[in-house]
Amino acid sequence: MNGEGLVGGSGVTLALAALVILTVYLAVRIVPQSQKYVVERFGRLRVVLGPGINFIVPYIDRVAHKISILERQLPNAMQDAITADNVLVKVETSVFYRITEPEKTVYRIRDVDAAIATTVAGIVRSEIGKMELDHVQSNRNELVTKIREAVAALVDDWGIEVTRAEILDVNLDEATRAAMLQQLNAERARRAQVTEAEGKKRAVELSAEAELYAAEQKAKARRITADAEAYATSVVAQAIKENGIEAAQYQVALKQVEALTAVGSGPGKQVVIVPAQAIEAFGDAFKMLKGKA
């Protein structure tokens, strides 16, 4: 009996020890940094456990959901949309989100990824339908901002934060793409013609400017020559005014000597026939030149 009693007492002790260990195990919950635990009591939400050591009531409370709070990326999706100017486009989108309130996520929505993807597709079609194709292509950042704000407002009730919503690409159907390519080629040809015409115009303008400059320089040279001749004439006139007839005779004699020198220095003209009156005039001129010297 004593042996049986000891055996029975040891069994109870072990059972109690095992119960204590189990109780502690069920009461203590260590939550990783990247997760949150949703705890239920008799099927109803009791508390959401954050990262670290947490305590719950064993056998009554249980961890019903372990939710990752890391940022997630939805698979890239393609949506068909029609712009305000009736152009069919295919829009590729990418969405990043994270769960901020697990109690809302687990009790209000069954498939989070599918719900967000459907919401994004509807918003993309709605926003692109308000814009023309050129506006969609040139104002992609504005479109992304509108989509992100609209998605964030709709998924707030699910305890979700949309961290990023991007439009990766906007593709056109083949017919529209061919028409746009033809228009682009026509625009390039027009610009090339305009550039060529402007080049020819500029060349004509430069040529005209060069001719005008040359004419101005010739006119300036003529004006300088005329000024010099006028100055020389004024000097002669002043000399005549001061010295009388002798100054005039001196100038005539000087011109006669210069003319004779030019005639004598010509090629093949070693013999020069000069009338007698001219010889007398030259003689007088030489005398005057000698006297002036």
Foldseek 3Di string as FASTA:
>chain_A
DVVVVVVVVVVVVVVVVVVVVVQVVQFKDAAAQQKKFFKDFPRHTDDIHHHGIGTDGPPGIDGPDIFGFDKDKAPWDWEWAAALVGFIKIWIKIWIKGAQDQVLQVPPDDDVNVVLVVLLNVLLRVLRNDHDPVCCVPVVVVSQVSSQVSSQVVCVSNRMHTPGMHTPDMGGDPVVVVVVVVVVVVVVVVVVVVVVVVVVVVVVVVVVVVVVVVVVVVVVVVVVVVVVVVVVVVVLVVCCVVPNPLSVLQVVLVVLVVVVVVQCPDPPPVDDDDDPVSVVSNVVNVVSVVVVD
